[in-house]
Amino acid sequence: MNLSAEQLRHFLASRRSVRRFRSPSVAPEVLRRILESAILAPSAHNRQPWRFVVVEEERTRRRLAEAMGGRFLEDLRRDGLAADEAERRVERSRERLLTAPALIVICLTMAEMDVYPDEQRRRAEHTMAVQSAALAAGHLLLAAHAEGLGSCWMCAPLFVPEILRAVLSLPEDWEPQGMIALGVPEIIPPDPGRRPPDEVTLWR
């Protein structure tokens, strides 16, 4: 069934970043459908450099939460944040990882991307892979919403890629880019508001 333009806008506007979930796990067939939607995203040269890690085991989520939380706390202390506020922020971060029934880590690989002799084009090629992985993540968020699930995009893996590599035993060429918490929403937050197009657009 084709959506009208108005129906599509309503669907997009109804998606939220959900941070509190009910306990039931996400069915494997639902996760597979979501991933199948994610890989429909466009990519640079159609190389499809995205890679996904689905984390469901409570023990693994706890290891991630503890290791990432420990590093986060160190960073906040170095930033000079008050101890009690630092602890609160870290605890909120840990809770998101521990209460989400599933986490999907978004990675990229440069294995099949083009290789150039100069630094400028190498950087551009890597950025193209980053953009491709981000597009797949966007598809994934919308697919989860269509399945009636809540999700939340988190960029924390960018700060601690070595922790994710170690805890998840990632292949050497997989570069963590982000993490999506996924599950049945317990609370759907209100609309956070968006800047209107006229504030963020130049017409030439």
Foldseek 3Di string as FASTA:
>chain_A
DDDDPVRVVVLVQQAFAFQAFDQDADDPVLVVVLLVQLQVFDAVVNPSFKDKDKDQDLVLLQLLLVVLLVVQLVVCVVVVDDNVVSVVVSVSSSSSSNRFRMKMWIWGFCPPFDDDPDPVVVVVRVVRRLVSSVRSVVSSSSSLVVVQKHKHKAQSCVVPVVSCCVSVVDPPRIGTGIMMRMHHHPDGDDRPDDDDPVVVDDDD
